[in-house]
């Protein structure tokens, strides 16, 4: 198919899959889940098929409608969006395999609704990744929020619904109250909201207004979880673990940091931000979020909440890297999106597998669990080491590039933040690993084995990807080099 057709197919295929899942769910669970896997595999074929065109220098685009005169619902494939789309589509298939083991092993209700909403969320993610302008991005950003609300509220009990409302309320309030006014401001000032290499605001918005406009985007994109608009993320941990994996690795939070990075590169312009003093606060906000969230993670006793605060911190690595405004750091931001996705989805898969096999949710309950769930805890160990930034994991590579960019800019705030957060990451992950591998299980601990094979296969795959990305990260670097050369050009 042509690249333009592939863009449209990437949007419509998951929606068609969602409809098929809803219909087959009424017939047979096996057929429903086969439909889910076929849909996920088909999306990989469609999205990844765009890579050769992109690497050859093409930038395919398509406009579907023009609801406002001069402002179209339009899509364009560029390096940053391609990276996000390829990552999300690839991990959806693995997450779907994991979900089959988790949802069946845990005997979850409403599984058809779960898989249907998941597919709709991936369609929204593709729309965000390939959005050609701010209006298109905003529309699909909102669809992603609305489609994931039923997933967060999946259990349906009072406490879960209350937490899901926090999730929905914070994300809608920030996007409508802050992000939308920021978008309107951009269109009013520049006359366009198209994503353009080098940005569109130079000569239209300068400091101190530039700093205020940047704040509307950074805090309006609540999915990026920059403090203080991060509370939705720990609240959403009431969701089933496959949903947590979607939130933290596949779509939602990645949509947040992707949006901010794309706005910095294509709307504000790296050179324009670098020349204006009003944007300097972003690096400090990201650094504060990294350190404060890491300290909060250190205090958590529930495993999923610990991982949630770890995600808040890790996301701001991407924001801080983008705010350094140096080529090496921009490459580091992209690499960290991928490295964090592989490592964090592994950690959440492992946490879910532990819950399915043993119903354990607290860190203190993990004594000796490595002896009973060696595959799961080996994967957890790899994911944890990647979060810390230990070779040979992908997390080491991304931190290396971000540090190199910080040294290139003589940015000692960023350098100190990375060193401090690395120490904090070690402080809350290493005791868990020691407890799991070297302490004996409690005497009253019931014997149990691994989670269902589908769940173990998925977490093993993502752990291998976390290690493989240490060596095979060249395609991501080449994509980002294209992005940087396009900006420079």
Protein backbone atom coordinates (compact mmCIF):
# COMPACT_ATOMS: atom_id res chain seq x y z
CA UNK A 1 0.00 0.00 0.00
CA UNK A 2 1.08 3.61 -0.46
CA UNK A 3 2.45 5.53 2.56
CA UNK A 4 -0.64 7.76 2.58
CA UNK A 5 -2.91 4.73 2.66
CA UNK A 6 -0.79 3.22 5.44
CA UNK A 7 -1.30 6.32 7.61
CA UNK A 8 -5.08 6.03 7.29
CA UNK A 9 -4.89 2.26 7.83
CA UNK A 10 -2.90 2.76 11.04
CA UNK A 11 -5.84 4.78 12.38
CA UNK A 12 -8.69 2.62 11.09
CA UNK A 13 -7.25 -0.87 11.60
CA UNK A 14 -7.34 -0.77 15.45
CA UNK A 15 -10.86 0.68 15.30
CA UNK A 16 -11.97 -2.15 13.01
CA UNK A 17 -10.27 -4.54 15.41
CA UNK A 18 -12.15 -3.01 18.34
CA UNK A 19 -15.46 -3.63 16.56
CA UNK A 20 -14.46 -7.20 15.70
CA UNK A 21 -13.36 -7.85 19.30
CA UNK A 22 -16.69 -6.57 20.63
CA UNK A 23 -18.62 -8.83 18.25
CA UNK A 24 -16.52 -11.98 18.70
CA UNK A 25 -16.54 -11.53 22.48
CA UNK A 26 -20.22 -12.45 22.42
CA UNK A 27 -19.40 -15.70 20.64
CA UNK A 28 -16.22 -17.19 22.07
CA UNK A 29 -13.34 -15.99 24.27
CA UNK A 30 -10.73 -17.81 22.16
CA UNK A 31 -11.96 -16.14 18.97
CA UNK A 32 -12.01 -12.76 20.72
CA UNK A 33 -8.42 -13.09 21.86
CA UNK A 34 -7.29 -14.38 18.47
CA UNK A 35 -8.90 -11.28 16.97
CA UNK A 36 -6.97 -9.12 19.42
CA UNK A 37 -3.66 -10.73 18.46
CA UNK A 38 -4.40 -10.50 14.73
CA UNK A 39 -5.30 -6.82 15.11
CA UNK A 40 -2.11 -6.09 17.06
CA UNK A 41 0.06 -7.99 14.56
CA UNK A 42 -1.62 -6.22 11.65
CA UNK A 43 -0.89 -2.82 13.18
CA UNK A 44 2.80 -3.71 13.43
CA UNK A 45 2.82 -4.66 9.73
CA UNK A 46 1.14 -1.38 8.76
CA UNK A 47 3.21 0.96 10.97
CA UNK A 48 6.60 -0.67 10.55
CA UNK A 49 6.04 -0.74 6.79
CA UNK A 50 6.44 3.05 6.85
CA UNK A 51 10.01 2.86 8.17
CA UNK A 52 11.84 2.32 4.84
CA UNK A 53 10.10 5.35 3.32
CA UNK A 54 10.99 7.49 6.32
CA UNK A 55 14.63 6.40 6.46
CA UNK A 56 14.88 7.21 2.75
CA UNK A 57 13.92 10.79 3.55
CA UNK A 58 10.20 10.76 2.67
CA UNK A 59 7.67 12.53 4.89
CA UNK A 60 4.27 11.17 3.77
CA UNK A 61 1.23 13.17 4.80
CA UNK A 62 -2.51 13.13 4.38
CA UNK A 63 -5.39 15.48 5.28
CA UNK A 64 -8.78 13.95 6.07
CA UNK A 65 -11.02 16.95 6.73
CA UNK A 66 -11.05 20.70 7.37
CA UNK A 67 -13.54 21.33 10.21
CA UNK A 68 -12.25 24.90 10.66
CA UNK A 69 -11.30 27.02 7.61
CA UNK A 70 -7.55 26.75 7.16
CA UNK A 71 -7.16 24.13 9.91
CA UNK A 72 -7.26 20.49 8.80
CA UNK A 73 -7.37 17.14 10.52
CA UNK A 74 -4.04 16.14 9.06
CA UNK A 75 -1.32 13.55 9.58
CA UNK A 76 2.37 13.50 8.72
CA UNK A 77 4.99 10.86 9.39
CA UNK A 78 8.27 12.23 10.80
CA UNK A 79 11.08 10.62 12.84
CA UNK A 80 9.81 11.36 16.35
CA UNK A 81 6.25 10.24 15.60
CA UNK A 82 7.49 7.17 13.76
CA UNK A 83 9.49 6.14 16.80
CA UNK A 84 6.45 6.50 19.07
CA UNK A 85 4.12 4.66 16.69
CA UNK A 86 6.56 1.79 16.13
CA UNK A 87 7.15 1.44 19.87
CA UNK A 88 3.46 1.49 20.82
CA UNK A 89 2.38 -0.90 18.06
CA UNK A 90 5.15 -3.37 18.86
CA UNK A 91 4.45 -3.43 22.58
CA UNK A 92 0.70 -3.76 22.05
CA UNK A 93 1.16 -7.27 20.66
CA UNK A 94 3.32 -8.32 23.62
CA UNK A 95 0.89 -6.70 26.06
CA UNK A 96 -1.99 -8.54 24.41
CA UNK A 97 -0.25 -11.88 24.91
CA UNK A 98 0.40 -10.98 28.54
CA UNK A 99 -3.22 -9.85 29.00
CA UNK A 100 -4.53 -13.26 27.95
CA UNK A 101 -2.51 -14.96 30.70
CA UNK A 102 -3.29 -12.27 33.29
CA UNK A 103 -7.01 -11.81 32.63
CA UNK A 104 -7.70 -15.54 32.48
CA UNK A 105 -5.41 -16.41 35.36
CA UNK A 106 -7.04 -13.75 37.54
CA UNK A 107 -10.57 -14.62 36.29
CA UNK A 108 -11.29 -10.96 35.50
CA UNK A 109 -14.81 -9.88 34.50
CA UNK A 110 -15.70 -7.74 31.46
CA UNK A 111 -12.79 -8.99 29.37
CA UNK A 112 -14.45 -8.12 26.07
CA UNK A 113 -14.82 -4.49 27.12
CA UNK A 114 -11.19 -4.54 28.25
CA UNK A 115 -9.79 -5.70 24.89
CA UNK A 116 -12.14 -3.39 22.95
CA UNK A 117 -11.09 -0.27 24.86
CA UNK A 118 -7.46 -1.30 24.52
CA UNK A 119 -7.80 -1.33 20.72
CA UNK A 120 -9.51 2.08 20.69
CA UNK A 121 -6.69 3.46 22.86
CA UNK A 122 -4.12 2.22 20.34
CA UNK A 123 -6.00 3.91 17.50
CA UNK A 124 -5.84 7.16 19.47
CA UNK A 125 -2.13 6.60 20.06
CA UNK A 126 -1.52 6.27 16.32
CA UNK A 127 -3.41 9.53 15.81
CA UNK A 128 -1.19 11.30 18.33
CA UNK A 129 1.99 9.84 16.83
CA UNK A 130 1.17 10.89 13.26
CA UNK A 131 -0.65 14.17 14.01
CA UNK A 132 0.35 16.87 11.54
CA UNK A 133 -0.78 19.82 13.65
CA UNK A 134 -1.82 20.81 17.15
CA UNK A 135 -5.57 20.47 16.58
CA UNK A 136 -5.25 16.89 15.34
CA UNK A 137 -2.98 16.01 18.24
CA UNK A 138 -5.40 17.52 20.77
CA UNK A 139 -8.39 15.59 19.42
CA UNK A 140 -6.65 12.22 19.60
CA UNK A 141 -5.10 13.13 22.97
CA UNK A 142 -8.63 13.50 24.38
CA UNK A 143 -9.80 10.26 22.75
CA UNK A 144 -6.90 8.46 24.46
CA UNK A 145 -7.99 9.85 27.85
CA UNK A 146 -11.63 8.85 27.37
CA UNK A 147 -10.86 5.38 25.98
CA UNK A 148 -8.56 4.50 28.88
CA UNK A 149 -10.99 5.60 31.61
CA UNK A 150 -13.02 2.33 31.42
CA UNK A 151 -9.73 0.42 31.64
CA UNK A 152 -8.68 2.22 34.82
CA UNK A 153 -12.18 1.75 36.30
CA UNK A 154 -12.23 -1.91 35.20
CA UNK A 155 -12.79 -3.51 38.62
CA UNK A 156 -15.89 -1.40 39.18
CA UNK A 157 -15.81 -1.20 42.99
CA UNK A 158 -16.25 2.12 44.77
CA UNK A 159 -12.56 2.71 45.52
CA UNK A 160 -11.55 1.91 41.94
CA UNK A 161 -14.17 4.18 40.40
CA UNK A 162 -13.14 6.99 42.75
CA UNK A 163 -9.50 6.68 41.70
CA UNK A 164 -10.52 6.43 38.04
CA UNK A 165 -12.40 9.72 38.41
CA UNK A 166 -9.19 11.33 39.71
CA UNK A 167 -7.47 10.00 36.58
CA UNK A 168 -10.15 11.31 34.25
CA UNK A 169 -10.70 14.61 36.07
CA UNK A 170 -7.04 15.63 36.23
CA UNK A 171 -6.28 14.74 32.62
CA UNK A 172 -9.38 16.49 31.25
CA UNK A 173 -8.97 19.54 33.49
CA UNK A 174 -5.35 20.06 32.46
CA UNK A 175 -5.94 19.48 28.75
CA UNK A 176 -9.06 21.66 28.48
CA UNK A 177 -8.00 24.29 31.00
CA UNK A 178 -4.34 24.68 29.97
CA UNK A 179 -3.42 22.80 26.79
CA UNK A 180 -6.36 24.00 24.69
CA UNK A 181 -5.78 27.71 25.51
CA UNK A 182 -2.10 27.20 24.66
CA UNK A 183 -3.06 25.74 21.28
CA UNK A 184 -5.44 28.64 20.57
CA UNK A 185 -2.66 31.07 21.52
CA UNK A 186 -0.27 29.44 19.05
CA UNK A 187 -2.77 29.62 16.19
CA UNK A 188 -3.56 33.26 17.03
CA UNK A 189 0.11 34.25 17.22
CA UNK A 190 1.60 32.27 14.35
CA UNK A 191 -1.43 31.77 12.12
CA UNK A 192 -0.80 28.02 12.02
CA UNK A 193 -0.37 25.05 14.30
CA UNK A 194 1.41 22.80 11.82
CA UNK A 195 4.38 20.87 13.14
CA UNK A 196 7.28 22.47 11.29
CA UNK A 197 11.02 21.68 11.58
CA UNK A 198 12.63 24.57 13.44
CA UNK A 199 9.36 25.71 15.01
CA UNK A 200 6.80 28.38 14.12
CA UNK A 201 6.93 30.84 17.04
CA UNK A 202 10.16 32.73 16.31
CA UNK A 203 9.23 36.34 15.63
CA UNK A 204 5.73 35.81 17.04
CA UNK A 205 6.15 35.04 20.77
CA UNK A 206 9.11 36.11 22.92
CA UNK A 207 9.92 36.19 26.63
CA UNK A 208 8.31 36.51 29.12
CA UNK A 209 5.16 35.43 27.22
CA UNK A 210 7.09 32.50 25.77
CA UNK A 211 7.67 31.07 29.24
CA UNK A 212 3.95 31.31 30.05
CA UNK A 213 2.97 29.64 26.78
CA UNK A 214 5.47 26.86 27.43
CA UNK A 215 3.93 26.36 30.89
CA UNK A 216 0.47 25.96 29.36
CA UNK A 217 1.79 23.10 27.24
CA UNK A 218 3.96 21.42 29.89
CA UNK A 219 1.30 21.38 32.61
CA UNK A 220 -1.57 21.10 30.13
CA UNK A 221 -0.13 17.81 28.90
CA UNK A 222 -0.97 16.10 32.18
CA UNK A 223 -0.02 12.70 30.76
CA UNK A 224 3.65 13.74 31.05
CA UNK A 225 3.13 13.79 34.85
CA UNK A 226 5.36 16.79 35.58
CA UNK A 227 4.72 17.75 39.21
CA UNK A 228 2.26 18.90 40.48
CA UNK A 229 -0.02 17.39 37.80
CA UNK A 230 1.18 13.83 38.45
CA UNK A 231 -1.35 12.54 40.97
CA UNK A 232 -3.50 10.82 38.36
CA UNK A 233 -0.73 8.30 37.75
CA UNK A 234 -0.50 6.73 41.25
CA UNK A 235 -4.31 6.90 41.43
CA UNK A 236 -4.56 4.84 38.24
CA UNK A 237 -2.71 1.92 39.85
CA UNK A 238 -6.10 0.49 40.85
CA UNK A 239 -6.34 -0.78 37.26
CA UNK A 240 -5.42 -4.33 36.22
CA UNK A 241 -1.71 -4.75 35.56
CA UNK A 242 -2.00 -4.91 31.73
CA UNK A 243 -3.65 -1.49 31.96
CA UNK A 244 -0.81 -0.24 34.15
CA UNK A 245 1.55 -1.45 31.46
CA UNK A 246 -0.50 0.46 28.86
CA UNK A 247 -0.40 3.59 31.04
CA UNK A 248 3.30 3.43 31.83
CA UNK A 249 4.96 1.90 28.81
CA UNK A 250 2.81 1.59 25.70
CA UNK A 251 0.63 4.65 25.26
CA UNK A 252 -0.52 7.11 27.88
CA UNK A 253 2.58 8.49 29.59
CA UNK A 254 4.60 8.09 26.41
CA UNK A 255 1.94 10.19 24.66
CA UNK A 256 2.63 12.87 27.29
CA UNK A 257 6.39 13.11 26.95
CA UNK A 258 6.14 12.62 23.19
CA UNK A 259 3.73 15.56 22.94
CA UNK A 260 5.96 17.89 24.95
CA UNK A 261 9.05 16.87 23.01
CA UNK A 262 7.25 17.32 19.68
CA UNK A 263 5.93 20.73 20.71
CA UNK A 264 9.42 21.86 21.78
CA UNK A 265 10.96 20.70 18.50
CA UNK A 266 8.26 21.59 15.98
CA UNK A 267 6.27 24.44 17.56
CA UNK A 268 8.62 26.43 19.82
CA UNK A 269 11.81 25.48 18.00
CA UNK A 270 14.97 24.41 19.81
CA UNK A 271 16.98 27.44 18.68
CA UNK A 272 14.19 29.85 19.63
CA UNK A 273 13.86 28.35 23.13
CA UNK A 274 17.64 28.37 23.56
CA UNK A 275 17.80 32.09 22.76
CA UNK A 276 14.94 33.07 25.09
CA UNK A 277 15.50 33.20 28.88
CA UNK A 278 11.81 32.60 29.64
CA UNK A 279 12.06 28.86 28.95
CA UNK A 280 14.82 28.08 31.46
CA UNK A 281 12.37 27.04 34.19
CA UNK A 282 11.48 23.81 32.35
CA UNK A 283 14.77 22.13 33.19
CA UNK A 284 14.32 22.95 36.89
CA UNK A 285 10.74 21.66 36.89
CA UNK A 286 11.87 18.40 35.32
CA UNK A 287 14.81 18.06 37.71
CA UNK A 288 12.56 18.66 40.72
CA UNK A 289 10.07 16.07 39.47
CA UNK A 290 12.83 13.49 38.98
CA UNK A 291 14.24 13.88 42.49
CA UNK A 292 10.93 14.36 44.33
CA UNK A 293 9.24 11.40 42.62
CA UNK A 294 12.28 9.21 43.33
CA UNK A 295 12.11 10.12 47.01
CA UNK A 296 8.38 9.33 47.00
CA UNK A 297 9.11 5.95 45.40
CA UNK A 298 11.58 5.25 48.19
CA UNK A 299 8.76 5.63 50.74
CA UNK A 300 6.25 3.31 49.06
CA UNK A 301 5.36 -0.10 50.47
CA UNK A 302 2.98 -1.17 47.67
CA UNK A 303 4.88 -2.50 44.65
CA UNK A 304 2.70 -0.94 41.94
CA UNK A 305 2.67 2.47 43.64
CA UNK A 306 6.46 2.31 43.91
CA UNK A 307 6.63 1.61 40.18
CA UNK A 308 4.17 4.45 39.53
CA UNK A 309 6.36 7.04 41.25
CA UNK A 310 9.36 5.56 39.47
CA UNK A 311 7.54 6.27 36.20
CA UNK A 312 6.88 9.89 37.20
CA UNK A 313 10.62 10.33 37.73
CA UNK A 314 11.67 8.47 34.58
CA UNK A 315 9.29 10.48 32.38
CA UNK A 316 10.93 13.72 33.42
CA UNK A 317 14.25 12.36 32.18
CA UNK A 318 12.77 12.80 28.70
CA UNK A 319 11.51 16.31 29.53
CA UNK A 320 14.85 17.31 31.05
CA UNK A 321 16.76 15.90 28.06
CA UNK A 322 14.59 17.90 25.68
CA UNK A 323 15.07 21.02 27.84
CA UNK A 324 18.89 20.71 27.65
CA UNK A 325 18.50 21.75 23.98
CA UNK A 326 21.57 19.90 22.73
CA UNK A 327 21.67 17.24 19.95
CA UNK A 328 23.08 14.45 22.13
CA UNK A 329 20.45 15.10 24.79
CA UNK A 330 17.65 15.10 22.19
CA UNK A 331 18.87 11.68 21.02
CA UNK A 332 18.97 10.61 24.67
CA UNK A 333 15.35 11.70 25.12
CA UNK A 334 14.24 9.45 22.26
CA UNK A 335 16.35 6.51 23.41
CA UNK A 336 14.99 6.88 26.94
CA UNK A 337 11.41 6.68 25.64
CA UNK A 338 12.25 3.26 24.22
CA UNK A 339 14.50 2.04 27.04
CA UNK A 340 11.98 3.07 29.69
CA UNK A 341 9.15 1.42 27.76
CA UNK A 342 10.96 -1.93 27.62
CA UNK A 343 12.16 -1.81 31.23
CA UNK A 344 8.98 -0.48 32.84
CA UNK A 345 6.60 -2.78 30.99
CA UNK A 346 8.80 -5.65 32.20
CA UNK A 347 8.49 -4.46 35.79
CA UNK A 348 4.72 -4.14 35.60
CA UNK A 349 4.38 -7.50 33.86
CA UNK A 350 6.39 -9.02 36.70
CA UNK A 351 4.29 -7.29 39.37
CA UNK A 352 1.13 -8.59 37.71
CA UNK A 353 2.54 -12.10 37.41
CA UNK A 354 3.37 -12.06 41.12
CA UNK A 355 -0.20 -11.01 41.91
CA UNK A 356 -1.77 -13.69 39.70
CA UNK A 357 0.44 -16.46 41.13
CA UNK A 358 0.50 -15.43 44.80
CA UNK A 359 -1.86 -12.44 45.34
CA UNK A 360 1.10 -10.49 46.77
CA UNK A 361 1.05 -6.72 46.30
CA UNK A 362 3.39 -5.37 49.00
CA UNK A 363 7.16 -5.06 48.82
CA UNK A 364 7.52 -6.73 52.23
CA UNK A 365 5.83 -9.88 50.87
CA UNK A 366 8.54 -10.51 48.27
CA UNK A 367 11.02 -12.29 50.54
CA UNK A 368 12.37 -15.35 48.78
CA UNK A 369 10.01 -15.03 45.83
CA UNK A 370 12.91 -15.40 43.41
CA UNK A 371 13.14 -19.07 44.42
CA UNK A 372 9.49 -19.70 43.55
CA UNK A 373 9.18 -17.44 40.50
CA UNK A 374 12.71 -17.39 39.01
CA UNK A 375 11.65 -16.39 35.47
CA UNK A 376 9.49 -13.55 36.74
CA UNK A 377 12.07 -12.21 39.16
CA UNK A 378 14.91 -12.54 36.64
CA UNK A 379 12.86 -10.31 34.33
CA UNK A 380 12.09 -7.94 37.21
CA UNK A 381 15.81 -7.73 37.98
CA UNK A 382 16.64 -6.77 34.38
CA UNK A 383 13.90 -4.11 34.37
CA UNK A 384 15.10 -2.69 37.70
CA UNK A 385 18.71 -2.52 36.54
CA UNK A 386 17.57 -0.66 33.43
CA UNK A 387 15.74 1.90 35.57
CA UNK A 388 18.92 2.40 37.59
CA UNK A 389 20.97 2.62 34.38
CA UNK A 390 23.28 -0.36 34.74
CA UNK A 391 24.89 -1.95 31.66
CA UNK A 392 24.07 -4.06 29.70
CA UNK A 393 20.53 -2.63 29.73
CA UNK A 394 18.88 -0.01 27.56
CA UNK A 395 18.60 2.41 30.48
CA UNK A 396 22.37 2.78 30.56
CA UNK A 397 22.47 3.88 26.91
CA UNK A 398 19.80 6.58 27.30
CA UNK A 399 21.39 7.98 30.47
CA UNK A 400 24.75 8.03 28.70
CA UNK A 401 23.39 10.21 25.89
CA UNK A 402 21.52 12.52 28.27
CA UNK A 403 24.65 12.94 30.39
CA UNK A 404 26.73 13.58 27.29
CA UNK A 405 24.29 16.30 26.25
CA UNK A 406 24.39 17.80 29.74
CA UNK A 407 28.19 17.90 29.66
CA UNK A 408 28.06 19.40 26.16
CA UNK A 409 25.87 22.20 27.55
CA UNK A 410 27.84 22.48 30.84
CA UNK A 411 24.48 21.92 32.53
CA UNK A 412 25.45 20.94 36.07
CA UNK A 413 21.83 20.89 37.28
CA UNK A 414 21.08 18.08 34.84
CA UNK A 415 24.32 16.25 35.69
CA UNK A 416 23.62 16.39 39.43
CA UNK A 417 19.99 15.34 38.92
CA UNK A 418 20.94 12.24 36.92
CA UNK A 419 23.55 11.20 39.50
CA UNK A 420 21.18 11.80 42.45
CA UNK A 421 18.24 10.01 40.86
CA UNK A 422 20.42 7.06 39.86
CA UNK A 423 21.41 6.68 43.52
CA UNK A 424 17.77 6.94 44.59
CA UNK A 425 16.71 4.37 41.99
CA UNK A 426 19.29 1.98 43.39
CA UNK A 427 18.08 2.73 46.93
CA UNK A 428 14.54 1.53 46.25
CA UNK A 429 15.17 -1.24 43.71
CA UNK A 430 18.24 -3.03 45.09
CA UNK A 431 16.64 -3.91 48.49
CA UNK A 432 13.76 -5.56 46.59
CA UNK A 433 16.21 -7.62 44.54
CA UNK A 434 18.16 -8.63 47.65
CA UNK A 435 14.96 -9.58 49.47
CA UNK A 436 13.66 -11.61 46.53
CA UNK A 437 16.86 -13.54 45.82
CA UNK A 438 18.74 -13.83 49.10
CA UNK A 439 16.16 -13.92 51.89
CA UNK A 440 14.08 -16.96 52.81
CA UNK A 441 10.30 -16.95 52.28
CA UNK A 442 8.13 -16.37 55.33
CA UNK A 443 7.11 -19.57 57.17
CA UNK A 444 3.42 -18.97 56.49
CA UNK A 445 4.03 -18.24 52.81
CA UNK A 446 1.99 -20.64 50.68
CA UNK A 447 3.90 -22.49 47.98
CA UNK A 448 3.22 -21.25 44.47
CA UNK A 449 4.89 -21.33 41.09
CA UNK A 450 5.00 -19.05 38.08
CA UNK A 451 2.07 -17.19 36.55
CA UNK A 452 0.31 -18.60 33.43
CA UNK A 453 2.70 -19.30 30.52
CA UNK A 454 1.39 -16.42 28.33
CA UNK A 455 2.26 -13.91 31.05
CA UNK A 456 5.71 -15.42 31.64
CA UNK A 457 6.42 -15.51 27.89
CA UNK A 458 5.52 -11.82 27.56
CA UNK A 459 7.65 -10.61 30.47
CA UNK A 460 10.57 -12.75 29.31
CA UNK A 461 10.31 -11.17 25.85
CA UNK A 462 10.34 -7.61 27.18
CA UNK A 463 13.27 -8.42 29.48
CA UNK A 464 15.21 -9.72 26.46
CA UNK A 465 14.31 -6.54 24.56
CA UNK A 466 15.64 -4.47 27.48
CA UNK A 467 18.99 -6.23 27.16
CA UNK A 468 19.00 -6.28 23.35
CA UNK A 469 18.40 -2.54 23.17
CA UNK A 470 21.79 -2.01 24.84
CA UNK A 471 23.44 -3.34 21.68
CA UNK A 472 20.88 -2.78 18.95
CA UNK A 473 19.78 0.83 19.29
CA UNK A 474 21.12 2.01 15.92
CA UNK A 475 17.72 2.45 14.19
CA UNK A 476 16.52 4.77 16.96
CA UNK A 477 19.70 6.84 16.77
CA UNK A 478 19.40 7.08 12.98
CA UNK A 479 15.79 8.25 13.26
CA UNK A 480 16.76 10.94 15.75
CA UNK A 481 19.73 12.02 13.66
CA UNK A 482 17.27 12.57 10.83
CA UNK A 483 15.16 14.68 13.17
CA UNK A 484 18.13 16.78 14.29
CA UNK A 485 19.46 17.25 10.76
CA UNK A 486 15.96 18.27 9.65
CA UNK A 487 15.82 20.92 12.39
CA UNK A 488 19.30 22.16 11.52
CA UNK A 489 18.40 22.25 7.86
